[in-house]
C-alpha atoms as a PDB file:
ATOM      1  CA  UNK A   1     -57.232   5.405  37.880  1.00  0.00           C
ATOM      2  CA  UNK A   2     -55.311   9.142  36.760  1.00  0.00           C
ATOM      3  CA  UNK A   3     -52.933   8.880  34.004  1.00  0.00           C
ATOM      4  CA  UNK A   4     -49.426  10.090  34.713  1.00  0.00           C
ATOM      5  CA  UNK A   5     -46.721  11.754  32.272  1.00  0.00           C
ATOM      6  CA  UNK A   6     -43.462  10.259  31.954  1.00  0.00           C
ATOM      7  CA  UNK A   7     -40.771  12.146  29.747  1.00  0.00           C
ATOM      8  CA  UNK A   8     -38.908  10.002  27.774  1.00  0.00           C
ATOM      9  CA  UNK A   9     -36.331  11.243  25.310  1.00  0.00           C
ATOM     10  CA  UNK A  10     -37.114  14.336  25.982  1.00  0.00           C
ATOM     11  CA  UNK A  11     -40.609  14.086  24.871  1.00  0.00           C
ATOM     12  CA  UNK A  12     -43.951  13.620  26.865  1.00  0.00           C
ATOM     13  CA  UNK A  13     -45.899  10.371  27.153  1.00  0.00           C
ATOM     14  CA  UNK A  14     -49.357   9.993  29.171  1.00  0.00           C
ATOM     15  CA  UNK A  15     -49.673   6.603  30.856  1.00  0.00           C
ATOM     16  CA  UNK A  16     -52.070   5.120  33.345  1.00  0.00           C
ATOM     17  CA  UNK A  17     -50.649   5.498  36.633  1.00  0.00           C
ATOM     18  CA  UNK A  18     -49.734   2.113  37.855  1.00  0.00           C
ATOM     19  CA  UNK A  19     -48.427   0.913  34.485  1.00  0.00           C
ATOM     20  CA  UNK A  20     -45.689  -1.614  34.793  1.00  0.00           C
ATOM     21  CA  UNK A  21     -42.353  -0.508  33.578  1.00  0.00           C
ATOM     22  CA  UNK A  22     -42.265  -3.773  31.602  1.00  0.00           C
ATOM     23  CA  UNK A  23     -44.986  -2.396  29.322  1.00  0.00           C
ATOM     24  CA  UNK A  24     -43.441   0.974  28.957  1.00  0.00           C
ATOM     25  CA  UNK A  25     -40.044  -0.668  27.869  1.00  0.00           C
ATOM     26  CA  UNK A  26     -41.806  -2.492  25.694  1.00  0.00           C
ATOM     27  CA  UNK A  27     -43.292   0.374  23.688  1.00  0.00           C
ATOM     28  CA  UNK A  28     -40.137   1.695  23.200  1.00  0.00           C
ATOM     29  CA  UNK A  29     -37.816  -1.370  22.562  1.00  0.00           C
ATOM     30  CA  UNK A  30     -37.647  -1.601  18.733  1.00  0.00           C
ATOM     31  CA  UNK A  31     -36.215   2.735  19.547  1.00  0.00           C
ATOM     32  CA  UNK A  32     -33.470   0.976  21.559  1.00  0.00           C
ATOM     33  CA  UNK A  33     -30.338  -1.247  20.610  1.00  0.00           C
ATOM     34  CA  UNK A  34     -29.907  -3.913  23.162  1.00  0.00           C
ATOM     35  CA  UNK A  35     -32.616  -5.403  25.168  1.00  0.00           C
ATOM     36  CA  UNK A  36     -34.185  -3.245  28.237  1.00  0.00           C
ATOM     37  CA  UNK A  37     -33.172  -4.743  30.939  1.00  0.00           C
ATOM     38  CA  UNK A  38     -34.002  -1.783  34.089  1.00  0.00           C
ATOM     39  CA  UNK A  39     -35.459   1.846  33.949  1.00  0.00           C
ATOM     40  CA  UNK A  40     -34.041   4.888  35.448  1.00  0.00           C
ATOM     41  CA  UNK A  41     -36.788   6.786  36.951  1.00  0.00           C
ATOM     42  CA  UNK A  42     -35.610  10.589  38.076  1.00  0.00           C
ATOM     43  CA  UNK A  43     -31.539   9.060  38.720  1.00  0.00           C
ATOM     44  CA  UNK A  44     -32.900   5.822  40.469  1.00  0.00           C
ATOM     45  CA  UNK A  45     -32.281   2.432  38.990  1.00  0.00           C
ATOM     46  CA  UNK A  46     -35.720   0.597  38.576  1.00  0.00           C
ATOM     47  CA  UNK A  47     -36.820  -2.927  37.722  1.00  0.00           C
ATOM     48  CA  UNK A  48     -38.987  -3.564  34.993  1.00  0.00           C
ATOM     49  CA  UNK A  49     -41.492  -4.987  37.457  1.00  0.00           C
ATOM     50  CA  UNK A  50     -42.007  -2.139  38.736  1.00  0.00           C
ATOM     51  CA  UNK A  51     -44.655   0.503  38.622  1.00  0.00           C
ATOM     52  CA  UNK A  52     -44.963   3.943  37.482  1.00  0.00           C
ATOM     53  CA  UNK A  53     -46.765   5.987  40.184  1.00  0.00           C
ATOM     54  CA  UNK A  54     -45.951   9.391  39.374  1.00  0.00           C
ATOM     55  CA  UNK A  55     -45.090  11.958  36.734  1.00  0.00           C
ATOM     56  CA  UNK A  56     -40.936  11.278  36.257  1.00  0.00           C
ATOM     57  CA  UNK A  57     -38.334  11.562  33.737  1.00  0.00           C
ATOM     58  CA  UNK A  58     -36.876   8.280  32.599  1.00  0.00           C
ATOM     59  CA  UNK A  59     -34.539   6.608  30.371  1.00  0.00           C
ATOM     60  CA  UNK A  60     -33.610   2.657  29.361  1.00  0.00           C
ATOM     61  CA  UNK A  61     -30.871   0.805  30.649  1.00  0.00           C
ATOM     62  CA  UNK A  62     -29.996  -2.316  27.946  1.00  0.00           C
ATOM     63  CA  UNK A  63     -28.146  -5.261  28.225  1.00  0.00           C
ATOM     64  CA  UNK A  64     -25.352  -3.350  26.362  1.00  0.00           C
ATOM     65  CA  UNK A  65     -25.021  -1.210  29.242  1.00  0.00           C
ATOM     66  CA  UNK A  66     -22.730  -2.097  32.269  1.00  0.00           C
ATOM     67  CA  UNK A  67     -26.152  -2.371  34.598  1.00  0.00           C
ATOM     68  CA  UNK A  68     -27.948  -3.917  32.164  1.00  0.00           C
ATOM     69  CA  UNK A  69     -25.279  -6.544  31.503  1.00  0.00           C
ATOM     70  CA  UNK A  70     -25.084  -7.161  35.953  1.00  0.00           C
ATOM     71  CA  UNK A  71     -28.765  -7.314  36.134  1.00  0.00           C
ATOM     72  CA  UNK A  72     -28.723  -9.772  33.497  1.00  0.00           C
ATOM     73  CA  UNK A  73     -26.177 -11.939  34.936  1.00  0.00           C
ATOM     74  CA  UNK A  74     -27.650 -11.769  38.213  1.00  0.00           C
ATOM     75  CA  UNK A  75     -31.008 -13.067  37.562  1.00  0.00           C
ATOM     76  CA  UNK A  76     -29.288 -16.137  35.354  1.00  0.00           C
ATOM     77  CA  UNK A  77     -27.550 -17.002  38.413  1.00  0.00           C
ATOM     78  CA  UNK A  78     -30.785 -16.652  40.774  1.00  0.00           C
ATOM     79  CA  UNK A  79     -32.260 -18.948  38.237  1.00  0.00           C
ATOM     80  CA  UNK A  80     -29.915 -21.740  37.959  1.00  0.00           C
ATOM     81  CA  UNK A  81     -29.616 -21.653  41.816  1.00  0.00           C
ATOM     82  CA  UNK A  82     -33.442 -21.818  42.039  1.00  0.00           C
ATOM     83  CA  UNK A  83     -33.567 -24.548  39.648  1.00  0.00           C
ATOM     84  CA  UNK A  84     -30.911 -26.659  41.770  1.00  0.00           C
ATOM     85  CA  UNK A  85     -32.968 -26.280  44.769  1.00  0.00           C
ATOM     86  CA  UNK A  86     -35.480 -27.922  42.543  1.00  0.00           C
ATOM     87  CA  UNK A  87     -33.898 -30.537  41.049  1.00  0.00           C
ATOM     88  CA  UNK A  88     -32.121 -31.901  44.506  1.00  0.00           C
END
């Protein structure tokens, strides 16, 4: 598979096309103050389960950010609903 270039924090990084944002976030987690919850790709929010498929500029959203907190809360609520349905 081809490589793509991702600009992160002003620096260019090469990743294999199709690498998940979760893997990329793992590579940069130590540099972030909070747990990474989302990626902003060229100005658009992306879930960590999505894949990087083209050259882009990305930044990370952590649970300390409003969008990150809301995403985390929504995930917890969905998991609670699913558990409740399974138990019922």
